[in-house]
Amino acid sequence: MKIAGIDSCPLGWIVILQDQNKFSSLAVTQFSELIALHSDLKRVFIDIPIGLSSENFCRTVESSMRKQLEKRASTIFTPACREAVYAKNYDEAREINKRVLGKSISIQSHNISKKIKEIDQFFKEKSNALEIYESHPEIDFKYLNGSKVISSKKSTKEGFQERFQLLISLAPELEELYHSITSTYPKSKVKPDDILDAMVLCLSNSKSETNNLRFIEDENHTDANGILVKIAY
């Protein structure tokens, strides 16, 4: 079964694929490009919010994820509501979010709204044969690390290496793949952290073949568009 781990990057999306125990990669500017190139893709773990808050639905899953990550809870940000995601600019998005959810949104949240919107729109057309699950790299690292949170910051050399070594201890072929990606794309297009995150999502997705899918589920379950809100790991 062909699966993938996907993270956003300056170019668009960095994708780590696994098919018949072989890893490969590609970078695409649009998610739809991936689907066109890999129509046989069966299941995706992607680091992007899926299922959005609205006037009649409020995501609660961020609170559960923060509890899971303890001292690394700050890596979890709260996404904008759907109407704010579709806003024309940051000021409009802030005002909409205040009206709908009673609070503003961070610039970090707004900056990723374009990618959130892209996946939200894709859900309107996606085939039921393709499973797409929201996932989070630090949650995945935790459970690949024997359920222990990695406390170092990924932005530091130590934190990066700790995570990278964990990945290649579980799948040694990822080391060569990582270096292949970094030699193909400059950091301005695909950052090392983006590659690391896509890899851990793919590996976590792969481990689910034997351990079954596990989820952190939202207390309110389903958003206004009928999308289940849950984090796969």
C-alpha atoms as a PDB file:
ATOM      1  CA  MET A   1       0.000   0.000   0.000  1.00  0.00           C
ATOM      2  CA  LYS A   2       1.420   3.386  -0.990  1.00  0.00           C
ATOM      3  CA  ILE A   3       1.391   5.878   1.886  1.00  0.00           C
ATOM      4  CA  ALA A   4       2.891   9.305   2.543  1.00  0.00           C
ATOM      5  CA  GLY A   5       3.938  11.836   5.143  1.00  0.00           C
ATOM      6  CA  ILE A   6       3.538  15.456   4.066  1.00  0.00           C
ATOM      7  CA  ASP A   7       4.671  18.782   5.482  1.00  0.00           C
ATOM      8  CA  SER A   8       4.324  22.283   4.122  1.00  0.00           C
ATOM      9  CA  CYS A   9       7.467  24.033   2.900  1.00  0.00           C
ATOM     10  CA  PRO A  10       8.274  27.334   1.144  1.00  0.00           C
ATOM     11  CA  LEU A  11       7.970  25.615  -2.245  1.00  0.00           C
ATOM     12  CA  GLY A  12       4.591  24.109  -1.342  1.00  0.00           C
ATOM     13  CA  TRP A  13       4.657  20.585   0.068  1.00  0.00           C
ATOM     14  CA  ILE A  14       7.468  18.127   0.749  1.00  0.00           C
ATOM     15  CA  VAL A  15       6.283  14.525   0.450  1.00  0.00           C
ATOM     16  CA  ILE A  16       7.911  11.343   1.732  1.00  0.00           C
ATOM     17  CA  LEU A  17       6.400   8.263   0.122  1.00  0.00           C
ATOM     18  CA  GLN A  18       6.620   4.625   1.105  1.00  0.00           C
ATOM     19  CA  ASP A  19       5.594   1.846  -1.242  1.00  0.00           C
ATOM     20  CA  GLN A  20       6.466  -1.809  -0.688  1.00  0.00           C
ATOM     21  CA  ASN A  21       8.932  -0.834   2.064  1.00  0.00           C
ATOM     22  CA  LYS A  22      10.803   1.574  -0.224  1.00  0.00           C
ATOM     23  CA  PHE A  23      11.008   5.290   0.549  1.00  0.00           C
ATOM     24  CA  SER A  24      11.069   8.079  -2.013  1.00  0.00           C
ATOM     25  CA  SER A  25      10.370  11.799  -2.060  1.00  0.00           C
ATOM     26  CA  LEU A  26       9.066  14.657  -4.140  1.00  0.00           C
ATOM     27  CA  ALA A  27       8.174  18.295  -3.669  1.00  0.00           C
ATOM     28  CA  VAL A  28       5.082  19.845  -5.251  1.00  0.00           C
ATOM     29  CA  THR A  29       3.681  23.351  -5.330  1.00  0.00           C
ATOM     30  CA  GLN A  30       0.063  22.163  -4.984  1.00  0.00           C
ATOM     31  CA  PHE A  31      -1.415  19.178  -3.163  1.00  0.00           C
ATOM     32  CA  SER A  32      -3.408  18.310  -6.290  1.00  0.00           C
ATOM     33  CA  GLU A  33      -0.118  17.738  -8.144  1.00  0.00           C
ATOM     34  CA  LEU A  34       0.728  14.932  -5.743  1.00  0.00           C
ATOM     35  CA  ILE A  35      -2.615  13.242  -6.347  1.00  0.00           C
ATOM     36  CA  ALA A  36      -2.219  13.558 -10.117  1.00  0.00           C
ATOM     37  CA  LEU A  37       1.249  12.004  -9.972  1.00  0.00           C
ATOM     38  CA  HIS A  38       0.338   9.285  -7.470  1.00  0.00           C
ATOM     39  CA  SER A  39      -3.266   8.294  -8.091  1.00  0.00           C
ATOM     40  CA  ASP A  40      -2.585   4.993  -6.277  1.00  0.00           C
ATOM     41  CA  LEU A  41      -1.788   6.769  -3.006  1.00  0.00           C
ATOM     42  CA  LYS A  42      -3.905   5.203  -0.258  1.00  0.00           C
ATOM     43  CA  ARG A  43      -3.210   7.011   3.017  1.00  0.00           C
ATOM     44  CA  VAL A  44      -1.648  10.330   3.976  1.00  0.00           C
ATOM     45  CA  PHE A  45      -0.489  11.796   7.278  1.00  0.00           C
ATOM     46  CA  ILE A  46      -0.213  15.576   6.849  1.00  0.00           C
ATOM     47  CA  ASP A  47       0.849  18.306   9.259  1.00  0.00           C
ATOM     48  CA  ILE A  48      -2.011  20.698   8.586  1.00  0.00           C
ATOM     49  CA  PRO A  49      -5.295  21.322  10.455  1.00  0.00           C
ATOM     50  CA  ILE A  50      -8.160  19.284   9.011  1.00  0.00           C
ATOM     51  CA  GLY A  51     -11.650  20.174  10.192  1.00  0.00           C
ATOM     52  CA  LEU A  52     -12.035  23.797  11.236  1.00  0.00           C
ATOM     53  CA  SER A  53     -13.828  25.803  13.894  1.00  0.00           C
ATOM     54  CA  SER A  54     -16.894  27.848  12.984  1.00  0.00           C
ATOM     55  CA  GLU A  55     -19.783  29.585  14.749  1.00  0.00           C
ATOM     56  CA  ASN A  56     -21.315  26.232  15.685  1.00  0.00           C
ATOM     57  CA  PHE A  57     -18.157  24.167  16.119  1.00  0.00           C
ATOM     58  CA  CYS A  58     -15.002  24.800  18.155  1.00  0.00           C
ATOM     59  CA  ARG A  59     -11.922  22.593  17.868  1.00  0.00           C
ATOM     60  CA  THR A  60     -10.789  21.212  21.236  1.00  0.00           C
ATOM     61  CA  VAL A  61      -8.103  18.827  20.019  1.00  0.00           C
ATOM     62  CA  GLU A  62      -5.252  21.346  20.490  1.00  0.00           C
ATOM     63  CA  SER A  63      -5.793  21.192  24.250  1.00  0.00           C
ATOM     64  CA  SER A  64      -5.456  17.403  24.203  1.00  0.00           C
ATOM     65  CA  MET A  65      -2.291  17.569  22.093  1.00  0.00           C
ATOM     66  CA  ARG A  66      -0.696  20.111  24.427  1.00  0.00           C
ATOM     67  CA  LYS A  67      -1.279  17.778  27.366  1.00  0.00           C
ATOM     68  CA  GLN A  68       0.383  14.988  25.397  1.00  0.00           C
ATOM     69  CA  LEU A  69       3.499  17.074  24.729  1.00  0.00           C
ATOM     70  CA  GLU A  70       4.011  18.496  28.225  1.00  0.00           C
ATOM     71  CA  LYS A  71       6.975  20.945  28.033  1.00  0.00           C
ATOM     72  CA  ARG A  72       6.786  20.929  24.220  1.00  0.00           C
ATOM     73  CA  ALA A  73       3.159  22.102  24.283  1.00  0.00           C
ATOM     74  CA  SER A  74       4.152  25.416  22.690  1.00  0.00           C
ATOM     75  CA  THR A  75       4.669  23.591  19.373  1.00  0.00           C
ATOM     76  CA  ILE A  76       0.877  23.336  19.084  1.00  0.00           C
ATOM     77  CA  PHE A  77      -0.844  26.415  17.682  1.00  0.00           C
ATOM     78  CA  THR A  78      -4.571  27.008  17.377  1.00  0.00           C
ATOM     79  CA  PRO A  79      -5.723  27.370  13.750  1.00  0.00           C
ATOM     80  CA  ALA A  80      -8.085  30.097  12.618  1.00  0.00           C
ATOM     81  CA  CYS A  81     -11.763  29.366  12.128  1.00  0.00           C
ATOM     82  CA  ARG A  82     -12.840  28.461   8.588  1.00  0.00           C
ATOM     83  CA  GLU A  83     -14.226  31.914   7.768  1.00  0.00           C
ATOM     84  CA  ALA A  84     -10.952  33.544   8.885  1.00  0.00           C
ATOM     85  CA  VAL A  85      -8.921  31.052   6.833  1.00  0.00           C
ATOM     86  CA  TYR A  86     -10.761  32.327   3.752  1.00  0.00           C
ATOM     87  CA  ALA A  87     -10.266  36.018   4.688  1.00  0.00           C
ATOM     88  CA  LYS A  88      -8.540  38.424   2.279  1.00  0.00           C
ATOM     89  CA  ASN A  89      -5.823  39.567   4.683  1.00  0.00           C
ATOM     90  CA  TYR A  90      -4.515  39.298   8.260  1.00  0.00           C
ATOM     91  CA  ASP A  91      -6.537  42.222   9.643  1.00  0.00           C
ATOM     92  CA  GLU A  92      -9.773  40.797   8.249  1.00  0.00           C
ATOM     93  CA  ALA A  93      -8.875  37.329   9.527  1.00  0.00           C
ATOM     94  CA  ARG A  94      -8.260  38.684  13.036  1.00  0.00           C
ATOM     95  CA  GLU A  95     -11.600  40.488  13.128  1.00  0.00           C
ATOM     96  CA  ILE A  96     -13.497  37.467  11.825  1.00  0.00           C
ATOM     97  CA  ASN A  97     -11.834  35.142  14.324  1.00  0.00           C
ATOM     98  CA  LYS A  98     -12.656  37.534  17.172  1.00  0.00           C
ATOM     99  CA  ARG A  99     -16.295  37.603  16.085  1.00  0.00           C
ATOM    100  CA  VAL A 100     -16.637  33.840  15.594  1.00  0.00           C
ATOM    101  CA  LEU A 101     -14.416  32.450  18.370  1.00  0.00           C
ATOM    102  CA  GLY A 102     -13.953  35.429  20.672  1.00  0.00           C
ATOM    103  CA  LYS A 103     -10.194  35.681  20.176  1.00  0.00           C
ATOM    104  CA  SER A 104      -7.665  36.890  17.628  1.00  0.00           C
ATOM    105  CA  ILE A 105      -5.198  34.701  15.749  1.00  0.00           C
ATOM    106  CA  SER A 106      -1.418  34.726  15.657  1.00  0.00           C
ATOM    107  CA  ILE A 107       0.508  35.720  12.568  1.00  0.00           C
ATOM    108  CA  GLN A 108       1.851  32.132  12.525  1.00  0.00           C
ATOM    109  CA  SER A 109      -1.681  30.825  12.245  1.00  0.00           C
ATOM    110  CA  HIS A 110      -2.552  33.305   9.510  1.00  0.00           C
ATOM    111  CA  ASN A 111       0.600  32.601   7.506  1.00  0.00           C
ATOM    112  CA  ILE A 112      -0.391  28.961   7.098  1.00  0.00           C
ATOM    113  CA  SER A 113      -4.016  29.748   6.242  1.00  0.00           C
ATOM    114  CA  LYS A 114      -3.344  29.425   2.521  1.00  0.00           C
ATOM    115  CA  LYS A 115      -2.225  25.811   3.013  1.00  0.00           C
ATOM    116  CA  ILE A 116      -5.151  25.076   5.360  1.00  0.00           C
ATOM    117  CA  LYS A 117      -7.545  26.472   2.761  1.00  0.00           C
ATOM    118  CA  GLU A 118      -5.953  24.318   0.046  1.00  0.00           C
ATOM    119  CA  ILE A 119      -6.569  21.103   1.986  1.00  0.00           C
ATOM    120  CA  ASP A 120     -10.013  22.230   3.144  1.00  0.00           C
ATOM    121  CA  GLN A 121     -11.012  22.771  -0.481  1.00  0.00           C
ATOM    122  CA  PHE A 122      -9.524  19.431  -1.510  1.00  0.00           C
ATOM    123  CA  PHE A 123     -11.794  17.666   0.995  1.00  0.00           C
ATOM    124  CA  LYS A 124     -14.808  18.816  -1.018  1.00  0.00           C
ATOM    125  CA  GLU A 125     -13.637  16.775  -4.003  1.00  0.00           C
ATOM    126  CA  LYS A 126     -11.473  13.992  -2.615  1.00  0.00           C
ATOM    127  CA  SER A 127     -12.140  10.354  -3.371  1.00  0.00           C
ATOM    128  CA  ASN A 128     -13.244   8.173  -0.472  1.00  0.00           C
ATOM    129  CA  ALA A 129     -10.500   5.754  -1.506  1.00  0.00           C
ATOM    130  CA  LEU A 130      -7.845   8.211  -0.267  1.00  0.00           C
ATOM    131  CA  GLU A 131      -7.483   8.482   3.504  1.00  0.00           C
ATOM    132  CA  ILE A 132      -6.110  11.853   4.650  1.00  0.00           C
ATOM    133  CA  TYR A 133      -5.360  12.341   8.327  1.00  0.00           C
ATOM    134  CA  GLU A 134      -4.089  15.336  10.220  1.00  0.00           C
ATOM    135  CA  SER A 135      -0.985  14.451  12.179  1.00  0.00           C
ATOM    136  CA  HIS A 136       1.620  16.330  14.218  1.00  0.00           C
ATOM    137  CA  PRO A 137       5.375  15.682  14.050  1.00  0.00           C
ATOM    138  CA  GLU A 138       6.086  16.092  17.757  1.00  0.00           C
ATOM    139  CA  ILE A 139       3.269  13.690  18.665  1.00  0.00           C
ATOM    140  CA  ASP A 140       4.694  11.200  16.168  1.00  0.00           C
ATOM    141  CA  PHE A 141       8.221  11.614  17.518  1.00  0.00           C
ATOM    142  CA  LYS A 142       6.913  10.960  21.010  1.00  0.00           C
ATOM    143  CA  TYR A 143       5.327   7.640  20.129  1.00  0.00           C
ATOM    144  CA  LEU A 144       8.220   6.504  17.953  1.00  0.00           C
ATOM    145  CA  ASN A 145      10.437   7.321  20.946  1.00  0.00           C
ATOM    146  CA  GLY A 146       8.776   4.849  23.295  1.00  0.00           C
ATOM    147  CA  SER A 147       6.010   7.300  24.318  1.00  0.00           C
ATOM    148  CA  LYS A 148       8.602   9.749  25.668  1.00  0.00           C
ATOM    149  CA  VAL A 149       8.428  13.396  24.605  1.00  0.00           C
ATOM    150  CA  ILE A 150      11.650  14.645  23.011  1.00  0.00           C
ATOM    151  CA  SER A 151      12.276  17.731  25.119  1.00  0.00           C
ATOM    152  CA  SER A 152      14.971  19.377  22.999  1.00  0.00           C
ATOM    153  CA  LYS A 153      13.946  22.010  20.472  1.00  0.00           C
ATOM    154  CA  LYS A 154      13.998  20.882  16.859  1.00  0.00           C
ATOM    155  CA  SER A 155      15.379  24.293  15.849  1.00  0.00           C
ATOM    156  CA  THR A 156      18.637  23.550  17.683  1.00  0.00           C
ATOM    157  CA  LYS A 157      21.427  21.359  16.288  1.00  0.00           C
ATOM    158  CA  GLU A 158      21.034  18.996  19.240  1.00  0.00           C
ATOM    159  CA  GLY A 159      17.270  18.746  18.833  1.00  0.00           C
ATOM    160  CA  PHE A 160      17.507  18.157  15.100  1.00  0.00           C
ATOM    161  CA  GLN A 161      20.117  15.432  15.481  1.00  0.00           C
ATOM    162  CA  GLU A 162      18.206  13.710  18.277  1.00  0.00           C
ATOM    163  CA  ARG A 163      15.166  13.398  16.037  1.00  0.00           C
ATOM    164  CA  PHE A 164      17.153  12.534  12.910  1.00  0.00           C
ATOM    165  CA  GLN A 165      19.031   9.747  14.704  1.00  0.00           C
ATOM    166  CA  LEU A 166      15.748   8.324  15.970  1.00  0.00           C
ATOM    167  CA  LEU A 167      14.376   8.220  12.436  1.00  0.00           C
ATOM    168  CA  ILE A 168      17.399   6.518  10.891  1.00  0.00           C
ATOM    169  CA  SER A 169      17.572   4.027  13.769  1.00  0.00           C
ATOM    170  CA  LEU A 170      14.082   2.917  12.725  1.00  0.00           C
ATOM    171  CA  ALA A 171      14.593   3.268   8.963  1.00  0.00           C
ATOM    172  CA  PRO A 172      18.294   3.597   8.014  1.00  0.00           C
ATOM    173  CA  GLU A 173      17.490   4.311   4.351  1.00  0.00           C
ATOM    174  CA  LEU A 174      16.049   7.693   5.372  1.00  0.00           C
ATOM    175  CA  GLU A 175      19.570   9.036   5.896  1.00  0.00           C
ATOM    176  CA  GLU A 176      20.481   8.755   2.226  1.00  0.00           C
ATOM    177  CA  LEU A 177      17.049  10.065   1.221  1.00  0.00           C
ATOM    178  CA  TYR A 178      17.482  13.118   3.458  1.00  0.00           C
ATOM    179  CA  HIS A 179      20.818  14.000   1.850  1.00  0.00           C
ATOM    180  CA  SER A 180      19.334  13.467  -1.604  1.00  0.00           C
ATOM    181  CA  ILE A 181      16.551  15.957  -0.855  1.00  0.00           C
ATOM    182  CA  THR A 182      18.904  18.582   0.591  1.00  0.00           C
ATOM    183  CA  SER A 183      21.143  18.316  -2.486  1.00  0.00           C
ATOM    184  CA  THR A 184      18.122  18.723  -4.786  1.00  0.00           C
ATOM    185  CA  TYR A 185      16.326  21.639  -3.123  1.00  0.00           C
ATOM    186  CA  PRO A 186      17.839  24.754  -1.520  1.00  0.00           C
ATOM    187  CA  LYS A 187      16.758  25.668   2.005  1.00  0.00           C
ATOM    188  CA  SER A 188      14.771  28.548   0.539  1.00  0.00           C
ATOM    189  CA  LYS A 189      12.471  25.952  -1.068  1.00  0.00           C
ATOM    190  CA  VAL A 190      12.578  23.023   1.358  1.00  0.00           C
ATOM    191  CA  LYS A 191      13.954  23.494   4.860  1.00  0.00           C
ATOM    192  CA  PRO A 192      15.678  20.651   6.767  1.00  0.00           C
ATOM    193  CA  ASP A 193      12.956  20.792   9.439  1.00  0.00           C
ATOM    194  CA  ASP A 194      10.308  20.310   6.750  1.00  0.00           C
ATOM    195  CA  ILE A 195      12.045  17.141   5.544  1.00  0.00           C
ATOM    196  CA  LEU A 196      12.386  15.812   9.076  1.00  0.00           C
ATOM    197  CA  ASP A 197       8.695  16.393   9.774  1.00  0.00           C
ATOM    198  CA  ALA A 198       7.537  14.767   6.539  1.00  0.00           C
ATOM    199  CA  MET A 199       9.743  11.779   7.315  1.00  0.00           C
ATOM    200  CA  VAL A 200       8.378  11.254  10.811  1.00  0.00           C
ATOM    201  CA  LEU A 201       4.815  11.537   9.498  1.00  0.00           C
ATOM    202  CA  CYS A 202       5.533   8.918   6.843  1.00  0.00           C
ATOM    203  CA  LEU A 203       7.236   6.598   9.318  1.00  0.00           C
ATOM    204  CA  SER A 204       4.402   6.966  11.819  1.00  0.00           C
ATOM    205  CA  ASN A 205       1.931   6.263   9.019  1.00  0.00           C
ATOM    206  CA  SER A 206       3.962   3.174   8.102  1.00  0.00           C
ATOM    207  CA  LYS A 207       4.066   1.893  11.689  1.00  0.00           C
ATOM    208  CA  SER A 208       0.281   2.108  11.738  1.00  0.00           C
ATOM    209  CA  GLU A 209       0.251  -0.816   9.306  1.00  0.00           C
ATOM    210  CA  THR A 210       1.188  -3.122  12.156  1.00  0.00           C
ATOM    211  CA  ASN A 211       0.068  -1.142  15.233  1.00  0.00           C
ATOM    212  CA  ASN A 212      -3.262   0.063  13.810  1.00  0.00           C
ATOM    213  CA  LEU A 213      -4.174   3.723  13.495  1.00  0.00           C
ATOM    214  CA  ARG A 214      -4.385   5.633  16.758  1.00  0.00           C
ATOM    215  CA  PHE A 215      -6.077   8.989  17.204  1.00  0.00           C
ATOM    216  CA  ILE A 216      -6.371  11.934  19.544  1.00  0.00           C
ATOM    217  CA  GLU A 217     -10.008  12.842  18.959  1.00  0.00           C
ATOM    218  CA  ASP A 218     -11.769  16.179  19.279  1.00  0.00           C
ATOM    219  CA  GLU A 219     -14.425  16.337  22.001  1.00  0.00           C
ATOM    220  CA  ASN A 220     -16.867  17.863  19.509  1.00  0.00           C
ATOM    221  CA  HIS A 221     -15.978  15.261  16.860  1.00  0.00           C
ATOM    222  CA  THR A 222     -17.236  16.704  13.551  1.00  0.00           C
ATOM    223  CA  ASP A 223     -16.962  20.176  12.055  1.00  0.00           C
ATOM    224  CA  ALA A 224     -19.661  22.098  10.168  1.00  0.00           C
ATOM    225  CA  ASN A 225     -18.626  20.480   6.870  1.00  0.00           C
ATOM    226  CA  GLY A 226     -18.941  16.986   8.285  1.00  0.00           C
ATOM    227  CA  ILE A 227     -15.171  16.460   8.609  1.00  0.00           C
ATOM    228  CA  LEU A 228     -14.011  14.382  11.581  1.00  0.00           C
ATOM    229  CA  VAL A 229     -11.423  16.226  13.666  1.00  0.00           C
ATOM    230  CA  LYS A 230      -8.795  13.834  14.957  1.00  0.00           C
ATOM    231  CA  ILE A 231      -5.017  13.601  15.032  1.00  0.00           C
ATOM    232  CA  ALA A 232      -3.497  10.355  13.751  1.00  0.00           C
ATOM    233  CA  TYR A 233      -0.243   8.963  15.146  1.00  0.00           C
END
